[in-house]
Amino acid sequence: MVVADLHVHTTNSDGTLTLPEIPALARDAGLDAVAVTDHDRLHPDLGHPVAERDGVTLIHGIELRVEAGDQQVDLLGYGARATDALVDEVDRLQRDRRARGRAIIECVEDRLGISLPVEPERGLGRPDIARAVVASDADYDEIGAVFDDLIDESAPCYRARDIPGFERGRELLAETCGLVSLAHPLRYPDPGAALDSAAALDAVELHYPYDGSRGHDPGSGPLKPADVRRFADRHDLLVTGGSDAHGRDIGGTGLDHADFDPVADALGL
């Protein structure tokens, strides 16, 4: 039974869920705890690393993209504190996100000959742009098709971001968060190298909807979730997990009591 969803996005980045909506949805899903992990951004309405809202534990988190050798990976920081160093880096990343978003929007509009109902604001992500394409007059009904044709990493309108290196990101989150985990290791082009990098962290994300809207089925790849569990055991890492929800569908994937209790202990819950 899932009791904690430790990977949820809100309108603070590229999700559609607002923070006040989370407690009721969490209770409906039978969750005790939810981690808000917006992309490269702290949530302004979560002033403490952990808070209780209407009977639900909300963990202030962040999902930080970093360069790790030949690929980019995402680090999840849990129990985040708004230190000067983290705030400065988040502000820099948001300026870069706006510039990158503007370039992607202009490219998509030029290729499709349309005007998109989206602006390059703070927190803007590619899912926001994809949703705008679907909502426009363009011939797209699914967000996934927009990514495949236009804005995925190999697509014509993709633009790279200026992100920190792995060690810089790890150090920054280690200084400001109670726990640092590698997000969705089986989603990366080289999952083995991504997993190897997790040995320097506190945890690795094991439970994840790879066969759903947030990733490819790992059944076709060289590594499986069982390999992630063995890696965590071998390196004495905790495991995290969550839905990676960008909408209202929280709690479909996450941690049961056996996996969440050690995480709760590490965060002082």
C-alpha atoms as a PDB file:
ATOM      1  CA  MET A   1       0.000   0.000   0.000  1.00  0.00           C
ATOM      2  CA  VAL A   2       1.411   3.382  -1.048  1.00  0.00           C
ATOM      3  CA  VAL A   3       1.573   5.789   1.909  1.00  0.00           C
ATOM      4  CA  ALA A   4       4.005   8.406   0.534  1.00  0.00           C
ATOM      5  CA  ASP A   5       4.306   9.986  -2.914  1.00  0.00           C
ATOM      6  CA  LEU A   6       7.697  11.679  -2.929  1.00  0.00           C
ATOM      7  CA  HIS A   7       7.677  13.114  -6.443  1.00  0.00           C
ATOM      8  CA  VAL A   8       4.926  15.641  -7.194  1.00  0.00           C
ATOM      9  CA  HIS A   9       4.971  18.829  -9.281  1.00  0.00           C
ATOM     10  CA  THR A  10       2.748  21.890  -8.916  1.00  0.00           C
ATOM     11  CA  THR A  11       1.937  25.050 -10.830  1.00  0.00           C
ATOM     12  CA  ASN A  12       5.105  26.446  -9.242  1.00  0.00           C
ATOM     13  CA  SER A  13       6.950  24.663 -12.045  1.00  0.00           C
ATOM     14  CA  ASP A  14       5.301  22.701 -14.861  1.00  0.00           C
ATOM     15  CA  GLY A  15       2.488  20.918 -13.028  1.00  0.00           C
ATOM     16  CA  THR A  16      -1.216  21.744 -13.012  1.00  0.00           C
ATOM     17  CA  LEU A  17      -1.828  20.996  -9.322  1.00  0.00           C
ATOM     18  CA  THR A  18      -1.855  23.829  -6.781  1.00  0.00           C
ATOM     19  CA  LEU A  19      -0.397  23.398  -3.310  1.00  0.00           C
ATOM     20  CA  PRO A  20      -3.736  23.870  -1.458  1.00  0.00           C
ATOM     21  CA  GLU A  21      -5.227  21.006  -3.491  1.00  0.00           C
ATOM     22  CA  ILE A  22      -2.670  18.449  -2.349  1.00  0.00           C
ATOM     23  CA  PRO A  23      -3.930  17.506   1.158  1.00  0.00           C
ATOM     24  CA  ALA A  24      -7.419  16.514   0.023  1.00  0.00           C
ATOM     25  CA  LEU A  25      -6.099  14.577  -2.959  1.00  0.00           C
ATOM     26  CA  ALA A  26      -3.529  12.893  -0.728  1.00  0.00           C
ATOM     27  CA  ARG A  27      -6.169  11.808   1.774  1.00  0.00           C
ATOM     28  CA  ASP A  28      -8.341  10.460  -1.044  1.00  0.00           C
ATOM     29  CA  ALA A  29      -5.348   8.431  -2.245  1.00  0.00           C
ATOM     30  CA  GLY A  30      -4.632   7.117   1.261  1.00  0.00           C
ATOM     31  CA  LEU A  31      -1.336   8.991   1.538  1.00  0.00           C
ATOM     32  CA  ASP A  32       0.316  10.095   4.757  1.00  0.00           C
ATOM     33  CA  ALA A  33       2.987  12.207   3.056  1.00  0.00           C
ATOM     34  CA  VAL A  34       3.654  14.042  -0.209  1.00  0.00           C
ATOM     35  CA  ALA A  35       6.901  15.642  -1.371  1.00  0.00           C
ATOM     36  CA  VAL A  36       6.574  18.737  -3.554  1.00  0.00           C
ATOM     37  CA  THR A  37       9.536  18.517  -5.932  1.00  0.00           C
ATOM     38  CA  ASP A  38       9.163  21.306  -8.468  1.00  0.00           C
ATOM     39  CA  HIS A  39      11.765  21.584 -11.193  1.00  0.00           C
ATOM     40  CA  ASP A  40      14.688  23.832 -10.254  1.00  0.00           C
ATOM     41  CA  ARG A  41      12.481  25.832  -7.922  1.00  0.00           C
ATOM     42  CA  LEU A  42      11.553  25.992  -4.247  1.00  0.00           C
ATOM     43  CA  HIS A  43       7.881  26.422  -3.434  1.00  0.00           C
ATOM     44  CA  PRO A  44       7.288  29.914  -2.011  1.00  0.00           C
ATOM     45  CA  ASP A  45       4.409  28.711   0.189  1.00  0.00           C
ATOM     46  CA  LEU A  46       6.418  26.005   1.939  1.00  0.00           C
ATOM     47  CA  GLY A  47       8.500  27.940   4.434  1.00  0.00           C
ATOM     48  CA  HIS A  48       9.752  24.898   6.360  1.00  0.00           C
ATOM     49  CA  PRO A  49      11.445  21.645   5.319  1.00  0.00           C
ATOM     50  CA  VAL A  50       8.398  19.692   6.538  1.00  0.00           C
ATOM     51  CA  ALA A  51       4.883  20.903   7.314  1.00  0.00           C
ATOM     52  CA  GLU A  52       1.554  19.421   8.323  1.00  0.00           C
ATOM     53  CA  ARG A  53      -1.405  20.516   6.197  1.00  0.00           C
ATOM     54  CA  ASP A  54      -4.856  19.148   6.984  1.00  0.00           C
ATOM     55  CA  GLY A  55      -3.551  15.876   8.327  1.00  0.00           C
ATOM     56  CA  VAL A  56      -0.991  15.315   5.545  1.00  0.00           C
ATOM     57  CA  THR A  57       2.784  15.701   5.850  1.00  0.00           C
ATOM     58  CA  LEU A  58       4.122  17.964   3.099  1.00  0.00           C
ATOM     59  CA  ILE A  59       7.846  17.652   2.438  1.00  0.00           C
ATOM     60  CA  HIS A  60       9.503  20.640   0.796  1.00  0.00           C
ATOM     61  CA  GLY A  61      11.591  19.266  -2.040  1.00  0.00           C
ATOM     62  CA  ILE A  62      13.199  20.205  -5.321  1.00  0.00           C
ATOM     63  CA  GLU A  63      14.129  18.375  -8.519  1.00  0.00           C
ATOM     64  CA  LEU A  64      17.439  19.704  -9.793  1.00  0.00           C
ATOM     65  CA  ARG A  65      18.813  18.837 -13.217  1.00  0.00           C
ATOM     66  CA  VAL A  66      22.593  18.390 -13.424  1.00  0.00           C
ATOM     67  CA  GLU A  67      25.246  17.379 -15.949  1.00  0.00           C
ATOM     68  CA  ALA A  68      26.609  13.909 -15.254  1.00  0.00           C
ATOM     69  CA  GLY A  69      29.262  13.022 -17.782  1.00  0.00           C
ATOM     70  CA  ASP A  70      27.672  12.440 -21.178  1.00  0.00           C
ATOM     71  CA  GLN A  71      24.103  12.807 -19.968  1.00  0.00           C
ATOM     72  CA  GLN A  72      21.884  14.892 -17.737  1.00  0.00           C
ATOM     73  CA  VAL A  73      20.241  13.463 -14.633  1.00  0.00           C
ATOM     74  CA  ASP A  74      17.844  14.759 -12.004  1.00  0.00           C
ATOM     75  CA  LEU A  75      18.536  14.982  -8.285  1.00  0.00           C
ATOM     76  CA  LEU A  76      15.705  15.049  -5.757  1.00  0.00           C
ATOM     77  CA  GLY A  77      16.346  17.015  -2.586  1.00  0.00           C
ATOM     78  CA  TYR A  78      13.996  16.421   0.349  1.00  0.00           C
ATOM     79  CA  GLY A  79      13.505  18.622   3.412  1.00  0.00           C
ATOM     80  CA  ALA A  80      14.779  21.687   1.567  1.00  0.00           C
ATOM     81  CA  ARG A  81      15.770  24.920   3.299  1.00  0.00           C
ATOM     82  CA  ALA A  82      15.920  28.228   1.431  1.00  0.00           C
ATOM     83  CA  THR A  83      19.578  29.058   2.031  1.00  0.00           C
ATOM     84  CA  ASP A  84      21.261  31.926   0.182  1.00  0.00           C
ATOM     85  CA  ALA A  85      23.284  29.489  -1.928  1.00  0.00           C
ATOM     86  CA  LEU A  86      20.266  27.468  -3.032  1.00  0.00           C
ATOM     87  CA  VAL A  87      18.131  30.560  -3.671  1.00  0.00           C
ATOM     88  CA  ASP A  88      20.899  32.120  -5.781  1.00  0.00           C
ATOM     89  CA  GLU A  89      21.242  28.970  -7.899  1.00  0.00           C
ATOM     90  CA  VAL A  90      17.481  28.610  -8.291  1.00  0.00           C
ATOM     91  CA  ASP A  91      17.223  32.245  -9.420  1.00  0.00           C
ATOM     92  CA  ARG A  92      19.979  31.685 -11.986  1.00  0.00           C
ATOM     93  CA  LEU A  93      18.291  28.544 -13.268  1.00  0.00           C
ATOM     94  CA  GLN A  94      14.950  30.314 -13.572  1.00  0.00           C
ATOM     95  CA  ARG A  95      16.507  33.099 -15.653  1.00  0.00           C
ATOM     96  CA  ASP A  96      17.965  30.433 -17.904  1.00  0.00           C
ATOM     97  CA  ARG A  97      14.610  28.604 -18.040  1.00  0.00           C
ATOM     98  CA  ARG A  98      12.846  31.759 -19.219  1.00  0.00           C
ATOM     99  CA  ALA A  99      15.416  32.387 -21.958  1.00  0.00           C
ATOM    100  CA  ARG A 100      15.305  28.762 -23.033  1.00  0.00           C
ATOM    101  CA  GLY A 101      11.496  28.704 -22.935  1.00  0.00           C
ATOM    102  CA  ARG A 102      11.302  31.804 -25.105  1.00  0.00           C
ATOM    103  CA  ALA A 103      13.594  30.177 -27.690  1.00  0.00           C
ATOM    104  CA  ILE A 104      11.551  26.947 -27.750  1.00  0.00           C
ATOM    105  CA  ILE A 105       8.246  28.825 -28.025  1.00  0.00           C
ATOM    106  CA  GLU A 106       9.524  30.942 -30.913  1.00  0.00           C
ATOM    107  CA  CYS A 107      10.805  27.846 -32.721  1.00  0.00           C
ATOM    108  CA  VAL A 108       7.516  25.946 -32.287  1.00  0.00           C
ATOM    109  CA  GLU A 109       5.454  28.948 -33.378  1.00  0.00           C
ATOM    110  CA  ASP A 110       7.645  29.403 -36.453  1.00  0.00           C
ATOM    111  CA  ARG A 111       7.465  25.738 -37.482  1.00  0.00           C
ATOM    112  CA  LEU A 112       3.709  25.425 -36.917  1.00  0.00           C
ATOM    113  CA  GLY A 113       2.732  28.918 -38.058  1.00  0.00           C
ATOM    114  CA  ILE A 114       0.716  29.585 -34.902  1.00  0.00           C
ATOM    115  CA  SER A 115       0.791  31.741 -31.779  1.00  0.00           C
ATOM    116  CA  LEU A 116       0.981  29.733 -28.570  1.00  0.00           C
ATOM    117  CA  PRO A 117      -1.028  30.663 -25.448  1.00  0.00           C
ATOM    118  CA  VAL A 118       1.985  30.515 -23.138  1.00  0.00           C
ATOM    119  CA  GLU A 119       4.597  32.970 -21.892  1.00  0.00           C
ATOM    120  CA  PRO A 120       8.230  32.353 -20.827  1.00  0.00           C
ATOM    121  CA  GLU A 121       7.597  32.832 -17.111  1.00  0.00           C
ATOM    122  CA  ARG A 122       9.394  31.556 -14.018  1.00  0.00           C
ATOM    123  CA  GLY A 123       8.946  27.825 -13.618  1.00  0.00           C
ATOM    124  CA  LEU A 124       8.111  27.281 -17.291  1.00  0.00           C
ATOM    125  CA  GLY A 125       8.873  23.763 -18.488  1.00  0.00           C
ATOM    126  CA  ARG A 126       8.484  21.840 -21.714  1.00  0.00           C
ATOM    127  CA  PRO A 127       5.219  20.203 -20.508  1.00  0.00           C
ATOM    128  CA  ASP A 128       3.732  23.718 -20.279  1.00  0.00           C
ATOM    129  CA  ILE A 129       4.716  24.356 -23.893  1.00  0.00           C
ATOM    130  CA  ALA A 130       3.395  20.961 -24.988  1.00  0.00           C
ATOM    131  CA  ARG A 131       0.052  21.621 -23.296  1.00  0.00           C
ATOM    132  CA  ALA A 132      -0.097  25.000 -25.062  1.00  0.00           C
ATOM    133  CA  VAL A 133       0.437  23.291 -28.433  1.00  0.00           C
ATOM    134  CA  VAL A 134      -2.398  20.852 -27.710  1.00  0.00           C
ATOM    135  CA  ALA A 135      -4.643  23.767 -26.674  1.00  0.00           C
ATOM    136  CA  SER A 136      -3.824  25.724 -29.837  1.00  0.00           C
ATOM    137  CA  ASP A 137      -5.009  25.344 -33.420  1.00  0.00           C
ATOM    138  CA  ALA A 138      -2.146  22.973 -34.208  1.00  0.00           C
ATOM    139  CA  ASP A 139      -2.920  19.403 -35.262  1.00  0.00           C
ATOM    140  CA  TYR A 140      -1.815  17.806 -31.985  1.00  0.00           C
ATOM    141  CA  ASP A 141      -4.052  15.990 -29.514  1.00  0.00           C
ATOM    142  CA  GLU A 142      -1.414  14.466 -27.228  1.00  0.00           C
ATOM    143  CA  ILE A 143       1.442  15.974 -25.247  1.00  0.00           C
ATOM    144  CA  GLY A 144       3.647  12.992 -26.040  1.00  0.00           C
ATOM    145  CA  ALA A 145       3.393  13.644 -29.775  1.00  0.00           C
ATOM    146  CA  VAL A 146       4.459  17.267 -29.252  1.00  0.00           C
ATOM    147  CA  PHE A 147       7.552  16.071 -27.414  1.00  0.00           C
ATOM    148  CA  ASP A 148       8.368  13.460 -30.066  1.00  0.00           C
ATOM    149  CA  ASP A 149       7.972  15.812 -33.026  1.00  0.00           C
ATOM    150  CA  LEU A 150       9.096  19.153 -31.644  1.00  0.00           C
ATOM    151  CA  ILE A 151      10.664  19.505 -28.205  1.00  0.00           C
ATOM    152  CA  ASP A 152      12.255  16.239 -27.097  1.00  0.00           C
ATOM    153  CA  GLU A 153      16.051  16.227 -26.838  1.00  0.00           C
ATOM    154  CA  SER A 154      16.480  14.994 -30.416  1.00  0.00           C
ATOM    155  CA  ALA A 155      13.676  17.173 -31.848  1.00  0.00           C
ATOM    156  CA  PRO A 156      14.175  20.387 -33.868  1.00  0.00           C
ATOM    157  CA  CYS A 157      12.898  22.868 -31.271  1.00  0.00           C
ATOM    158  CA  TYR A 158      14.771  21.493 -28.286  1.00  0.00           C
ATOM    159  CA  ARG A 159      17.156  23.927 -26.647  1.00  0.00           C
ATOM    160  CA  ALA A 160      19.719  22.940 -24.016  1.00  0.00           C
ATOM    161  CA  ARG A 161      19.924  24.584 -20.614  1.00  0.00           C
ATOM    162  CA  ASP A 162      22.830  25.928 -18.572  1.00  0.00           C
ATOM    163  CA  ILE A 163      22.748  23.582 -15.580  1.00  0.00           C
ATOM    164  CA  PRO A 164      25.225  22.787 -12.781  1.00  0.00           C
ATOM    165  CA  GLY A 165      27.536  19.800 -12.807  1.00  0.00           C
ATOM    166  CA  PHE A 166      26.700  16.699 -10.808  1.00  0.00           C
ATOM    167  CA  GLU A 167      29.119  17.383  -7.962  1.00  0.00           C
ATOM    168  CA  ARG A 168      28.050  21.028  -7.637  1.00  0.00           C
ATOM    169  CA  GLY A 169      24.390  20.008  -7.553  1.00  0.00           C
ATOM    170  CA  ARG A 170      25.037  17.219  -5.073  1.00  0.00           C
ATOM    171  CA  GLU A 171      26.958  19.505  -2.730  1.00  0.00           C
ATOM    172  CA  LEU A 172      24.335  22.244  -2.969  1.00  0.00           C
ATOM    173  CA  LEU A 173      21.485  19.889  -2.094  1.00  0.00           C
ATOM    174  CA  ALA A 174      23.484  18.074   0.591  1.00  0.00           C
ATOM    175  CA  GLU A 175      24.003  21.425   2.336  1.00  0.00           C
ATOM    176  CA  THR A 176      20.341  22.438   2.186  1.00  0.00           C
ATOM    177  CA  CYS A 177      18.294  19.214   2.224  1.00  0.00           C
ATOM    178  CA  GLY A 178      17.904  16.346   4.640  1.00  0.00           C
ATOM    179  CA  LEU A 179      18.105  13.694   1.929  1.00  0.00           C
ATOM    180  CA  VAL A 180      19.327  13.611  -1.690  1.00  0.00           C
ATOM    181  CA  SER A 181      18.140  10.970  -4.153  1.00  0.00           C
ATOM    182  CA  LEU A 182      18.699  10.167  -7.824  1.00  0.00           C
ATOM    183  CA  ALA A 183      15.420  10.495  -9.723  1.00  0.00           C
ATOM    184  CA  HIS A 184      14.085   7.761 -12.063  1.00  0.00           C
ATOM    185  CA  PRO A 185      17.434   6.071 -12.904  1.00  0.00           C
ATOM    186  CA  LEU A 186      15.970   3.892 -15.665  1.00  0.00           C
ATOM    187  CA  ARG A 187      14.775   6.870 -17.732  1.00  0.00           C
ATOM    188  CA  TYR A 188      18.256   7.994 -18.774  1.00  0.00           C
ATOM    189  CA  PRO A 189      20.067   7.038 -21.987  1.00  0.00           C
ATOM    190  CA  ASP A 190      22.730   5.250 -19.890  1.00  0.00           C
ATOM    191  CA  PRO A 191      20.949   3.945 -16.784  1.00  0.00           C
ATOM    192  CA  GLY A 192      24.049   2.088 -15.608  1.00  0.00           C
ATOM    193  CA  ALA A 193      26.119   5.266 -15.463  1.00  0.00           C
ATOM    194  CA  ALA A 194      23.239   7.102 -13.801  1.00  0.00           C
ATOM    195  CA  LEU A 195      23.001   4.419 -11.123  1.00  0.00           C
ATOM    196  CA  ASP A 196      26.751   4.535 -10.550  1.00  0.00           C
ATOM    197  CA  SER A 197      26.469   8.257  -9.811  1.00  0.00           C
ATOM    198  CA  ALA A 198      23.864   7.526  -7.129  1.00  0.00           C
ATOM    199  CA  ALA A 199      26.500   5.823  -4.986  1.00  0.00           C
ATOM    200  CA  ALA A 200      27.534   9.325  -3.851  1.00  0.00           C
ATOM    201  CA  LEU A 201      23.993  10.175  -2.726  1.00  0.00           C
ATOM    202  CA  ASP A 202      21.733   9.196   0.164  1.00  0.00           C
ATOM    203  CA  ALA A 203      19.095   7.400  -1.875  1.00  0.00           C
ATOM    204  CA  VAL A 204      17.852   6.333  -5.291  1.00  0.00           C
ATOM    205  CA  GLU A 205      14.318   6.481  -6.667  1.00  0.00           C
ATOM    206  CA  LEU A 206      13.104   2.891  -7.012  1.00  0.00           C
ATOM    207  CA  HIS A 207       9.331   3.183  -7.355  1.00  0.00           C
ATOM    208  CA  TYR A 208       8.396   5.092 -10.507  1.00  0.00           C
ATOM    209  CA  PRO A 209       5.720   4.815 -13.251  1.00  0.00           C
ATOM    210  CA  TYR A 210       8.090   3.802 -16.026  1.00  0.00           C
ATOM    211  CA  ASP A 211       5.296   2.109 -17.938  1.00  0.00           C
ATOM    212  CA  GLY A 212       3.057   5.176 -17.747  1.00  0.00           C
ATOM    213  CA  SER A 213       3.107   8.722 -19.045  1.00  0.00           C
ATOM    214  CA  ARG A 214       6.341   9.658 -17.278  1.00  0.00           C
ATOM    215  CA  GLY A 215       8.752   7.258 -18.929  1.00  0.00           C
ATOM    216  CA  HIS A 216       9.493   4.256 -21.076  1.00  0.00           C
ATOM    217  CA  ASP A 217       8.854   0.709 -19.902  1.00  0.00           C
ATOM    218  CA  PRO A 218      12.177  -0.546 -18.443  1.00  0.00           C
ATOM    219  CA  GLY A 219      11.274  -4.016 -19.652  1.00  0.00           C
ATOM    220  CA  SER A 220      12.945  -3.082 -22.955  1.00  0.00           C
ATOM    221  CA  GLY A 221      16.138  -1.809 -21.323  1.00  0.00           C
ATOM    222  CA  PRO A 222      19.244  -3.467 -19.912  1.00  0.00           C
ATOM    223  CA  LEU A 223      18.331  -2.755 -16.278  1.00  0.00           C
ATOM    224  CA  LYS A 224      15.151  -3.409 -14.307  1.00  0.00           C
ATOM    225  CA  PRO A 225      13.722  -2.026 -11.048  1.00  0.00           C
ATOM    226  CA  ALA A 226      15.089  -5.121  -9.296  1.00  0.00           C
ATOM    227  CA  ASP A 227      18.579  -3.968 -10.310  1.00  0.00           C
ATOM    228  CA  VAL A 228      17.898  -0.598  -8.689  1.00  0.00           C
ATOM    229  CA  ARG A 229      16.899  -2.343  -5.457  1.00  0.00           C
ATOM    230  CA  ARG A 230      20.059  -4.461  -5.507  1.00  0.00           C
ATOM    231  CA  PHE A 231      22.167  -1.367  -6.166  1.00  0.00           C
ATOM    232  CA  ALA A 232      20.577   0.434  -3.225  1.00  0.00           C
ATOM    233  CA  ASP A 233      21.172  -2.547  -0.936  1.00  0.00           C
ATOM    234  CA  ARG A 234      24.779  -2.920  -2.101  1.00  0.00           C
ATOM    235  CA  HIS A 235      25.578   0.748  -1.449  1.00  0.00           C
ATOM    236  CA  ASP A 236      23.488   1.073   1.707  1.00  0.00           C
ATOM    237  CA  LEU A 237      21.168   3.650   0.118  1.00  0.00           C
ATOM    238  CA  LEU A 238      17.594   4.430   1.010  1.00  0.00           C
ATOM    239  CA  VAL A 239      14.983   4.114  -1.723  1.00  0.00           C
ATOM    240  CA  THR A 240      12.487   6.805  -2.669  1.00  0.00           C
ATOM    241  CA  GLY A 241       9.594   6.784  -5.088  1.00  0.00           C
ATOM    242  CA  GLY A 242       6.672   8.700  -6.453  1.00  0.00           C
ATOM    243  CA  SER A 243       4.263   9.349  -9.270  1.00  0.00           C
ATOM    244  CA  ASP A 244       6.158  12.263 -10.863  1.00  0.00           C
ATOM    245  CA  ALA A 245       2.675  13.745 -11.123  1.00  0.00           C
ATOM    246  CA  HIS A 246       2.293  16.821 -13.292  1.00  0.00           C
ATOM    247  CA  GLY A 247      -1.483  16.678 -12.898  1.00  0.00           C
ATOM    248  CA  ARG A 248      -3.892  15.517 -10.217  1.00  0.00           C
ATOM    249  CA  ASP A 249      -3.023  11.806 -10.352  1.00  0.00           C
ATOM    250  CA  ILE A 250      -0.943  11.567  -7.179  1.00  0.00           C
ATOM    251  CA  GLY A 251      -0.370   8.418  -5.179  1.00  0.00           C
ATOM    252  CA  GLY A 252      -0.418   5.892  -8.001  1.00  0.00           C
ATOM    253  CA  THR A 253       3.247   5.159  -7.352  1.00  0.00           C
ATOM    254  CA  GLY A 254       5.236   5.695  -4.184  1.00  0.00           C
ATOM    255  CA  LEU A 255       6.516   4.123  -0.985  1.00  0.00           C
ATOM    256  CA  ASP A 256       4.884   1.659   1.369  1.00  0.00           C
ATOM    257  CA  HIS A 257       5.559   1.795   5.111  1.00  0.00           C
ATOM    258  CA  ALA A 258       8.625  -0.452   4.867  1.00  0.00           C
ATOM    259  CA  ASP A 259      10.402   1.904   2.465  1.00  0.00           C
ATOM    260  CA  PHE A 260       8.994   5.177   3.779  1.00  0.00           C
ATOM    261  CA  ASP A 261       9.820   4.673   7.457  1.00  0.00           C
ATOM    262  CA  PRO A 262      13.627   4.915   6.925  1.00  0.00           C
ATOM    263  CA  VAL A 263      13.110   8.035   4.782  1.00  0.00           C
ATOM    264  CA  ALA A 264      10.917   9.547   7.486  1.00  0.00           C
ATOM    265  CA  ASP A 265      13.590   8.809  10.069  1.00  0.00           C
ATOM    266  CA  ALA A 266      16.259  10.460   7.911  1.00  0.00           C
ATOM    267  CA  LEU A 267      14.098  13.586   7.633  1.00  0.00           C
ATOM    268  CA  GLY A 268      13.256  13.623  11.320  1.00  0.00           C
ATOM    269  CA  LEU A 269       9.528  13.065  10.778  1.00  0.00           C
END
